């Protein structure tokens, strides 16, 4: 979002050397951050825009699996009856893992079965869909083969595993740096407060229009774009783990989440409580119209049922129940959580734009498209304006003050975004090696 009209920094003005030098330094940060992150941000924004409406599109694309009819006034069958239908159609190699329902009475039950995949530490998931009124089997699908699962994997890992996740985190972190520095550069420095700042200049040629297409969208969607990128860091390896660890060390996580209660295994072995008894106990605490039930895996694991939060609703909570008696062992009441824990619960709904329904979903898609536009136009401007035979990077400032300010910025950025700090260190090492090679 660089408002300058050429590759060089703005001209110096008497009495403003320090500010102009700082401005030039910010512009260099914006240039490099934007250029390096542009191809990745374009792909991440494209896949993110597609994924925003995945819940609605899944139903629209496969109504045979997700939609059911309610026979006049009929009530849903017992949960255990519907589970037995799912178990009868599940593969013998798969183990029941979870159960979920939408708040709509015209949606099917979703039973998830899983098995370990050939990839160490990974699982394959088979989704089975059951009619809650007839217990009829509607069909199944291996979730890893679905269109949106592939889109999500591309969005999170670039289909490159852990290395891809690292690239996603690096590009997202630098994308945030580019966005913030771009907003600083967007602040008007001359007399003009409207054209090229708040509105596009459509009659001043392609070059000016390209510059405006790069800068003006940032004013309107900058806040949304920042929220989307920042909340996406929760699902990264370094920032996400560090943030969750910090919340844990600060005592911000609920005790049952940190150390889940254990079920009491009967001396005679015993069998698990029926799904009906589990759901009956759960409904004594909350309505749980939109929920996810986690099935005990080990003998001491509890049932865990939690209300869905991906639409921004934190009015209910989660319950841990004994695997054999369905007795409640612990409860997490979302409204009483710490600010940090609530924020983490809302990160997904903010990241996908589902927090306030259709309005914020549209805003999320618009933000993704604007990020793509700013990334493409920024790279395009650099390519068109670079001097022939040269890379065309912005010039360094000769001000003695800038390195001190830059040092503070580097430390802050390295602390807030670890991947930015790591890449800066690697770049500095590479520059030092390059200098040594040149001298030799």
Protein backbone atom coordinates (compact mmCIF):
# COMPACT_ATOMS: atom_id res chain seq x y z
CA UNK A 1 0.00 0.00 0.00
CA UNK A 2 2.80 2.37 -0.91
CA UNK A 3 1.50 5.78 -1.93
CA UNK A 4 4.70 6.92 -3.65
CA UNK A 5 4.60 7.05 -7.43
CA UNK A 6 8.13 5.81 -8.15
CA UNK A 7 10.65 3.32 -6.89
CA UNK A 8 12.72 5.96 -5.15
CA UNK A 9 11.86 7.36 -1.72
CA UNK A 10 10.12 10.73 -1.40
CA UNK A 11 12.35 13.83 -1.68
CA UNK A 12 13.89 15.16 1.49
CA UNK A 13 12.51 18.37 2.98
CA UNK A 14 14.48 20.81 5.17
CA UNK A 15 14.01 20.20 8.87
CA UNK A 16 12.46 16.78 8.40
CA UNK A 17 15.52 14.58 7.86
CA UNK A 18 14.71 12.26 10.74
CA UNK A 19 11.05 11.80 9.78
CA UNK A 20 11.85 11.39 6.11
CA UNK A 21 14.56 8.85 6.94
CA UNK A 22 12.11 6.92 9.10
CA UNK A 23 9.53 7.09 6.33
CA UNK A 24 12.08 5.69 3.89
CA UNK A 25 12.93 2.87 6.28
CA UNK A 26 9.26 1.96 6.70
CA UNK A 27 8.87 2.00 2.94
CA UNK A 28 11.77 -0.41 2.54
CA UNK A 29 10.19 -2.74 5.08
CA UNK A 30 6.92 -2.54 3.18
CA UNK A 31 8.60 -3.23 -0.14
CA UNK A 32 10.49 -6.32 0.96
CA UNK A 33 7.73 -7.70 3.17
CA UNK A 34 5.15 -7.25 0.42
CA UNK A 35 7.29 -8.59 -2.41
CA UNK A 36 8.43 -11.71 -0.55
CA UNK A 37 5.00 -12.57 0.80
CA UNK A 38 2.93 -11.66 -2.27
CA UNK A 39 2.86 -15.06 -4.06
CA UNK A 40 2.03 -16.94 -0.87
CA UNK A 41 -0.56 -14.40 0.33
CA UNK A 42 -2.25 -14.58 -3.07
CA UNK A 43 -2.64 -18.35 -2.80
CA UNK A 44 -3.64 -18.24 0.88
CA UNK A 45 -6.22 -15.53 0.23
CA UNK A 46 -7.67 -17.38 -2.74
CA UNK A 47 -8.08 -20.63 -0.82
CA UNK A 48 -9.33 -18.71 2.21
CA UNK A 49 -12.01 -16.97 0.14
CA UNK A 50 -13.17 -20.34 -1.19
CA UNK A 51 -13.27 -21.86 2.29
CA UNK A 52 -15.37 -19.10 3.89
CA UNK A 53 -18.63 -20.59 2.66
CA UNK A 54 -17.59 -24.24 2.90
CA UNK A 55 -20.30 -25.14 5.43
CA UNK A 56 -23.09 -23.78 3.22
CA UNK A 57 -21.56 -25.07 0.00
CA UNK A 58 -21.05 -28.56 1.43
CA UNK A 59 -24.80 -28.78 2.05
CA UNK A 60 -25.60 -27.33 -1.37
CA UNK A 61 -23.22 -29.67 -3.20
CA UNK A 62 -24.24 -32.82 -1.31
CA UNK A 63 -27.86 -32.38 -0.17
CA UNK A 64 -28.28 -36.16 -0.29
CA UNK A 65 -25.88 -36.45 2.66
CA UNK A 66 -26.71 -33.37 4.69
CA UNK A 67 -30.45 -32.71 4.27
CA UNK A 68 -33.34 -34.74 5.64
CA UNK A 69 -37.10 -34.43 5.70
CA UNK A 70 -39.07 -34.39 8.91
CA UNK A 71 -42.18 -36.57 8.58
CA UNK A 72 -45.20 -34.64 9.89
CA UNK A 73 -44.53 -33.93 13.54
CA UNK A 74 -42.11 -36.85 13.93
CA UNK A 75 -39.51 -36.83 16.72
CA UNK A 76 -35.91 -37.89 16.30
CA UNK A 77 -35.12 -41.47 17.18
CA UNK A 78 -32.98 -42.28 20.26
CA UNK A 79 -29.32 -41.41 19.81
CA UNK A 80 -28.26 -45.00 20.42
CA UNK A 81 -30.47 -46.22 17.57
CA UNK A 82 -28.87 -43.76 15.18
CA UNK A 83 -25.39 -44.73 16.42
CA UNK A 84 -26.07 -48.43 15.83
CA UNK A 85 -27.05 -47.63 12.26
CA UNK A 86 -23.76 -45.82 11.77
CA UNK A 87 -21.79 -48.64 13.35
CA UNK A 88 -23.50 -51.14 11.03
CA UNK A 89 -22.27 -49.22 7.98
CA UNK A 90 -18.79 -48.32 9.24
CA UNK A 91 -15.67 -50.09 8.01
CA UNK A 92 -14.30 -52.71 10.37
CA UNK A 93 -10.88 -51.01 10.27
CA UNK A 94 -12.28 -47.71 11.56
CA UNK A 95 -13.02 -46.69 15.15
CA UNK A 96 -15.83 -44.34 16.16
CA UNK A 97 -14.24 -40.99 17.05
CA UNK A 98 -16.90 -38.28 17.25
CA UNK A 99 -20.50 -37.26 16.67
CA UNK A 100 -21.83 -33.84 15.66
CA UNK A 101 -25.13 -32.18 14.96
CA UNK A 102 -26.21 -28.92 13.38
CA UNK A 103 -28.92 -26.87 15.14
CA UNK A 104 -31.25 -27.40 12.17
CA UNK A 105 -33.88 -30.15 12.54
CA UNK A 106 -33.54 -30.76 8.79
CA UNK A 107 -29.88 -31.78 8.90
CA UNK A 108 -28.45 -35.25 9.21
CA UNK A 109 -26.35 -36.70 12.02
CA UNK A 110 -22.62 -36.73 11.36
CA UNK A 111 -20.70 -39.69 12.80
CA UNK A 112 -16.94 -39.66 12.30
CA UNK A 113 -14.86 -42.84 12.23
CA UNK A 114 -11.09 -42.86 11.96
CA UNK A 115 -8.11 -45.13 11.49
CA UNK A 116 -4.39 -44.56 11.51
CA UNK A 117 -3.04 -43.76 8.07
CA UNK A 118 0.22 -44.92 6.57
CA UNK A 119 1.70 -41.53 7.47
CA UNK A 120 3.04 -41.67 11.04
CA UNK A 121 0.89 -39.79 13.50
CA UNK A 122 -1.85 -39.08 10.97
CA UNK A 123 -5.40 -40.43 10.64
CA UNK A 124 -7.93 -41.07 7.92
CA UNK A 125 -11.48 -39.93 8.66
CA UNK A 126 -14.67 -41.45 7.33
CA UNK A 127 -17.84 -39.37 7.76
CA UNK A 128 -21.12 -41.30 7.93
CA UNK A 129 -24.46 -39.49 7.61
CA UNK A 130 -27.59 -40.83 9.32
CA UNK A 131 -31.20 -39.66 9.09
CA UNK A 132 -32.17 -38.83 12.72
CA UNK A 133 -35.87 -39.61 12.07
CA UNK A 134 -35.50 -43.00 10.38
CA UNK A 135 -31.93 -44.03 11.29
CA UNK A 136 -31.47 -44.56 7.58
CA UNK A 137 -27.96 -44.54 6.17
CA UNK A 138 -27.57 -41.60 3.78
CA UNK A 139 -24.02 -42.23 2.68
CA UNK A 140 -20.39 -41.66 3.60
CA UNK A 141 -17.28 -39.89 2.40
CA UNK A 142 -13.61 -39.97 3.21
CA UNK A 143 -13.12 -36.40 4.33
CA UNK A 144 -9.51 -36.18 3.09
CA UNK A 145 -10.78 -36.69 -0.49
CA UNK A 146 -13.35 -33.90 -0.45
CA UNK A 147 -12.83 -30.63 -2.31
CA UNK A 148 -12.84 -28.43 0.79
CA UNK A 149 -10.46 -30.74 2.65
CA UNK A 150 -7.97 -30.31 -0.18
CA UNK A 151 -8.55 -26.54 -0.17
CA UNK A 152 -7.93 -26.44 3.60
CA UNK A 153 -4.78 -28.53 3.30
CA UNK A 154 -3.50 -26.24 0.57
CA UNK A 155 -4.37 -23.24 2.73
CA UNK A 156 -2.58 -24.57 5.82
CA UNK A 157 0.39 -26.47 4.40
CA UNK A 158 0.66 -25.64 0.66
CA UNK A 159 0.53 -29.45 0.27
CA UNK A 160 4.12 -29.52 1.54
CA UNK A 161 3.73 -30.84 5.10
CA UNK A 162 5.66 -29.19 7.91
CA UNK A 163 7.83 -27.21 5.50
CA UNK A 164 4.70 -25.81 3.89
CA UNK A 165 3.26 -24.86 7.28
CA UNK A 166 6.45 -22.96 8.04
CA UNK A 167 6.19 -21.10 4.72
CA UNK A 168 2.56 -20.24 5.47
CA UNK A 169 3.52 -18.83 8.88
CA UNK A 170 6.45 -16.86 7.46
CA UNK A 171 4.38 -15.36 4.65
CA UNK A 172 1.46 -14.55 6.96
CA UNK A 173 3.75 -12.88 9.49
CA UNK A 174 5.49 -10.82 6.81
CA UNK A 175 2.10 -10.10 5.25
CA UNK A 176 1.01 -8.49 8.50
CA UNK A 177 4.21 -6.42 8.51
CA UNK A 178 3.49 -5.37 4.93
CA UNK A 179 -0.10 -4.44 5.79
CA UNK A 180 0.83 -2.40 8.88
CA UNK A 181 3.69 -0.55 7.17
CA UNK A 182 1.43 0.03 4.18
CA UNK A 183 -1.17 1.67 6.40
CA UNK A 184 1.56 3.94 7.80
CA UNK A 185 2.61 4.88 4.27
CA UNK A 186 -1.03 5.43 3.28
CA UNK A 187 -1.39 8.36 5.72
CA UNK A 188 -1.57 11.47 3.49
CA UNK A 189 1.64 13.55 3.51
CA UNK A 190 0.53 16.29 1.13
CA UNK A 191 -2.46 18.56 0.70
CA UNK A 192 -4.60 16.02 -1.14
CA UNK A 193 -6.76 14.11 1.35
CA UNK A 194 -9.18 12.32 -1.00
CA UNK A 195 -7.95 11.37 -4.49
CA UNK A 196 -5.53 8.46 -4.38
CA UNK A 197 -6.14 8.10 -0.66
CA UNK A 198 -9.85 7.41 -0.31
CA UNK A 199 -10.87 7.25 -3.96
CA UNK A 200 -9.42 5.88 -7.19
CA UNK A 201 -8.10 8.29 -9.80
CA UNK A 202 -9.65 6.85 -12.94
CA UNK A 203 -8.60 9.52 -15.43
CA UNK A 204 -4.86 9.90 -14.76
CA UNK A 205 -3.50 6.95 -16.67
CA UNK A 206 -2.77 3.29 -16.03
CA UNK A 207 0.23 3.90 -13.80
CA UNK A 208 -1.67 6.08 -11.33
CA UNK A 209 -4.69 3.76 -11.39
CA UNK A 210 -2.47 0.77 -10.66
CA UNK A 211 -0.97 2.61 -7.69
CA UNK A 212 -4.45 3.50 -6.39
CA UNK A 213 -5.69 -0.07 -6.80
CA UNK A 214 -2.78 -1.06 -4.57
CA UNK A 215 -3.38 1.51 -1.84
CA UNK A 216 -7.03 2.55 -1.62
CA UNK A 217 -8.47 -0.93 -0.79
CA UNK A 218 -6.21 -1.03 2.25
CA UNK A 219 -8.10 1.82 3.87
CA UNK A 220 -11.45 0.08 3.57
CA UNK A 221 -10.49 -3.48 4.45
CA UNK A 222 -7.21 -3.03 6.36
CA UNK A 223 -8.82 -3.84 9.71
CA UNK A 224 -10.59 -6.93 8.38
CA UNK A 225 -7.47 -8.14 6.57
CA UNK A 226 -5.35 -7.70 9.70
CA UNK A 227 -7.90 -9.65 11.79
CA UNK A 228 -8.01 -12.49 9.27
CA UNK A 229 -4.24 -12.81 8.99
CA UNK A 230 -3.56 -12.39 12.70
CA UNK A 231 -6.16 -14.96 13.81
CA UNK A 232 -4.81 -17.38 11.21
CA UNK A 233 -1.52 -17.48 13.13
CA UNK A 234 -3.27 -19.54 15.82
CA UNK A 235 -3.03 -22.56 13.51
CA UNK A 236 0.68 -22.21 12.85
CA UNK A 237 3.48 -24.21 14.40
CA UNK A 238 5.56 -21.51 16.09
CA UNK A 239 3.23 -18.57 16.83
CA UNK A 240 0.24 -20.77 17.66
CA UNK A 241 2.23 -23.01 20.00
CA UNK A 242 3.92 -20.02 21.66
CA UNK A 243 0.63 -18.17 22.17
CA UNK A 244 -1.08 -21.22 23.62
CA UNK A 245 1.94 -21.88 25.82
CA UNK A 246 1.88 -18.30 27.05
CA UNK A 247 -1.80 -18.58 27.89
CA UNK A 248 -1.10 -21.81 29.75
CA UNK A 249 1.79 -20.35 31.76
CA UNK A 250 -0.33 -17.33 32.59
CA UNK A 251 -3.11 -19.53 33.98
CA UNK A 252 -5.55 -18.44 31.29
CA UNK A 253 -6.62 -21.93 30.22
CA UNK A 254 -9.41 -23.81 32.05
CA UNK A 255 -8.18 -26.65 34.28
CA UNK A 256 -10.13 -29.46 32.51
CA UNK A 257 -8.56 -28.45 29.19
CA UNK A 258 -5.05 -28.50 30.63
CA UNK A 259 -5.56 -31.74 32.58
CA UNK A 260 -8.72 -33.59 31.50
CA UNK A 261 -10.43 -35.60 34.26
CA UNK A 262 -10.22 -39.37 34.02
CA UNK A 263 -12.99 -41.92 33.97
CA UNK A 264 -13.16 -44.50 36.77
CA UNK A 265 -12.68 -47.90 35.17
CA UNK A 266 -14.93 -50.53 36.84
CA UNK A 267 -13.08 -53.44 38.40
CA UNK A 268 -15.13 -55.83 36.33
CA UNK A 269 -14.26 -54.01 33.12
CA UNK A 270 -17.74 -52.82 32.27
CA UNK A 271 -18.94 -51.16 29.09
CA UNK A 272 -19.30 -47.57 28.03
CA UNK A 273 -22.41 -45.59 28.86
CA UNK A 274 -24.98 -45.48 26.07
CA UNK A 275 -25.07 -42.46 23.83
CA UNK A 276 -28.59 -41.71 25.09
CA UNK A 277 -27.45 -41.49 28.71
CA UNK A 278 -24.50 -39.30 27.72
CA UNK A 279 -26.69 -36.89 25.78
CA UNK A 280 -29.35 -36.86 28.49
CA UNK A 281 -26.77 -35.80 31.06
CA UNK A 282 -25.31 -33.22 28.69
CA UNK A 283 -28.69 -31.62 28.04
CA UNK A 284 -29.16 -31.10 31.77
CA UNK A 285 -26.39 -28.53 31.57
CA UNK A 286 -26.84 -26.87 28.17
CA UNK A 287 -29.14 -27.02 25.16
CA UNK A 288 -26.33 -28.28 22.92
CA UNK A 289 -28.27 -27.77 19.69
CA UNK A 290 -25.01 -27.36 17.77
CA UNK A 291 -22.37 -29.57 19.36
CA UNK A 292 -19.41 -31.88 18.92
CA UNK A 293 -19.06 -35.06 20.99
CA UNK A 294 -15.63 -36.59 21.41
CA UNK A 295 -15.64 -40.33 22.07
CA UNK A 296 -13.31 -41.87 24.71
CA UNK A 297 -10.37 -43.60 23.09
CA UNK A 298 -8.47 -45.04 26.06
CA UNK A 299 -10.14 -46.80 29.01
CA UNK A 300 -9.72 -43.74 31.28
CA UNK A 301 -10.67 -41.10 28.73
CA UNK A 302 -13.97 -39.23 29.31
CA UNK A 303 -16.74 -38.29 26.94
CA UNK A 304 -16.32 -34.62 25.97
CA UNK A 305 -19.21 -32.66 24.53
CA UNK A 306 -18.74 -29.02 23.56
CA UNK A 307 -20.99 -26.43 21.99
CA UNK A 308 -19.89 -25.11 18.62
CA UNK A 309 -18.23 -21.69 18.72
CA UNK A 310 -17.49 -21.13 15.03
CA UNK A 311 -20.44 -18.74 14.76
CA UNK A 312 -19.20 -16.61 17.64
CA UNK A 313 -21.59 -17.98 20.27
CA UNK A 314 -19.96 -18.36 23.70
CA UNK A 315 -23.17 -18.73 25.72
CA UNK A 316 -22.71 -22.42 26.55
CA UNK A 317 -19.64 -24.53 27.28
CA UNK A 318 -18.17 -28.03 27.45
CA UNK A 319 -18.73 -31.03 29.73
CA UNK A 320 -16.47 -33.97 30.58
CA UNK A 321 -18.36 -37.14 31.53
CA UNK A 322 -17.33 -40.51 32.88
CA UNK A 323 -17.03 -43.02 30.06
CA UNK A 324 -18.94 -45.73 31.94
CA UNK A 325 -21.54 -43.89 34.04
CA UNK A 326 -21.96 -40.61 32.12
CA UNK A 327 -21.47 -38.84 35.44
CA UNK A 328 -20.25 -35.24 34.93
CA UNK A 329 -16.59 -34.91 35.89
CA UNK A 330 -15.90 -31.28 34.96
CA UNK A 331 -17.52 -28.36 33.20
CA UNK A 332 -16.11 -25.45 31.23
CA UNK A 333 -18.49 -22.49 31.21
CA UNK A 334 -17.43 -20.32 28.26
CA UNK A 335 -18.78 -16.98 29.63
CA UNK A 336 -16.56 -17.35 32.73
CA UNK A 337 -13.33 -17.99 30.82
CA UNK A 338 -10.40 -15.58 30.81
CA UNK A 339 -10.18 -12.99 28.06
CA UNK A 340 -7.36 -14.90 26.37
CA UNK A 341 -9.25 -18.19 26.35
CA UNK A 342 -12.35 -16.49 24.93
CA UNK A 343 -10.23 -14.89 22.25
CA UNK A 344 -8.81 -18.27 21.28
CA UNK A 345 -12.32 -19.72 21.02
CA UNK A 346 -13.30 -16.87 18.71
CA UNK A 347 -10.19 -16.97 16.53
CA UNK A 348 -11.69 -19.50 14.11
CA UNK A 349 -14.96 -17.60 13.67
CA UNK A 350 -13.04 -14.36 13.11
CA UNK A 351 -10.59 -16.01 10.73
CA UNK A 352 -13.36 -17.51 8.59
CA UNK A 353 -15.68 -14.52 8.88
CA UNK A 354 -18.48 -16.57 10.40
CA UNK A 355 -18.57 -14.67 13.71
CA UNK A 356 -21.63 -12.57 12.81
CA UNK A 357 -23.04 -14.62 9.97
CA UNK A 358 -23.42 -13.67 6.33
CA UNK A 359 -22.34 -10.03 6.74
CA UNK A 360 -18.90 -10.89 8.12
CA UNK A 361 -18.52 -13.81 5.70
CA UNK A 362 -18.96 -11.37 2.81
CA UNK A 363 -16.49 -9.00 4.50
CA UNK A 364 -14.00 -11.86 4.83
CA UNK A 365 -14.26 -12.73 1.14
CA UNK A 366 -13.92 -9.05 0.20
CA UNK A 367 -10.82 -8.83 2.42
CA UNK A 368 -9.29 -11.89 0.77
CA UNK A 369 -9.92 -10.47 -2.70
CA UNK A 370 -8.46 -7.11 -1.63
CA UNK A 371 -5.32 -8.83 -0.27
CA UNK A 372 -4.96 -10.58 -3.64
CA UNK A 373 -5.42 -7.27 -5.46
CA UNK A 374 -2.87 -5.48 -3.28
CA UNK A 375 -0.36 -8.33 -3.60
CA UNK A 376 -0.69 -8.56 -7.39
CA UNK A 377 -0.66 -4.80 -8.01
CA UNK A 378 2.29 -4.33 -5.66
CA UNK A 379 4.37 -6.93 -7.53
CA UNK A 380 3.18 -5.52 -10.85
CA UNK A 381 4.24 -1.98 -9.94
CA UNK A 382 7.68 -3.19 -8.94
CA UNK A 383 8.08 -5.14 -12.18
CA UNK A 384 7.00 -2.22 -14.36
CA UNK A 385 9.06 0.46 -12.56
CA UNK A 386 12.30 -1.38 -11.91
CA UNK A 387 15.25 0.09 -13.83
CA UNK A 388 16.44 -1.97 -16.77
CA UNK A 389 19.05 -4.49 -15.71
CA UNK A 390 18.57 -3.80 -11.99
CA UNK A 391 16.46 -5.35 -9.26
CA UNK A 392 14.95 -2.01 -8.33
CA UNK A 393 14.84 -2.25 -4.55
CA UNK A 394 14.34 1.01 -2.59
CA UNK A 395 17.51 2.86 -1.63
CA UNK A 396 18.84 2.72 1.91
CA UNK A 397 18.68 5.85 4.04
CA UNK A 398 21.95 7.41 5.18
CA UNK A 399 20.42 8.83 8.36
CA UNK A 400 22.23 7.85 11.53
CA UNK A 401 18.94 7.71 13.40
CA UNK A 402 17.27 5.00 11.36
CA UNK A 403 19.37 2.02 12.53
CA UNK A 404 18.38 2.73 16.15
CA UNK A 405 14.70 2.89 15.29
CA UNK A 406 15.06 -0.13 13.03
CA UNK A 407 16.73 -2.08 15.84
CA UNK A 408 13.76 -1.45 18.14
CA UNK A 409 11.35 -2.47 15.38
CA UNK A 410 13.33 -5.64 14.71
CA UNK A 411 13.25 -6.66 18.37
CA UNK A 412 9.52 -5.97 18.66
CA UNK A 413 8.70 -7.79 15.43
CA UNK A 414 10.88 -10.72 16.44
CA UNK A 415 9.03 -11.00 19.75
CA UNK A 416 5.50 -10.62 18.37
CA UNK A 417 6.12 -12.67 15.22
CA UNK A 418 8.88 -15.24 15.87
CA UNK A 419 9.09 -16.26 12.21
CA UNK A 420 9.86 -12.67 11.26
CA UNK A 421 12.70 -12.65 13.80
CA UNK A 422 14.03 -15.99 12.56
CA UNK A 423 13.99 -14.95 8.91
CA UNK A 424 15.65 -11.61 9.75
CA UNK A 425 18.46 -13.46 11.51
CA UNK A 426 18.85 -15.79 8.52
CA UNK A 427 18.88 -12.83 6.14
CA UNK A 428 21.53 -11.07 8.25
CA UNK A 429 23.68 -14.21 8.30
CA UNK A 430 23.28 -14.58 4.55
CA UNK A 431 24.26 -10.94 4.01
CA UNK A 432 27.34 -11.40 6.19
CA UNK A 433 28.38 -14.52 4.30
CA UNK A 434 27.87 -12.67 1.03
CA UNK A 435 30.11 -9.82 2.22
CA UNK A 436 32.84 -12.24 3.29
CA UNK A 437 32.71 -14.01 -0.08
CA UNK A 438 32.94 -10.71 -1.93
CA UNK A 439 35.97 -9.61 0.11
CA UNK A 440 37.73 -12.91 -0.49
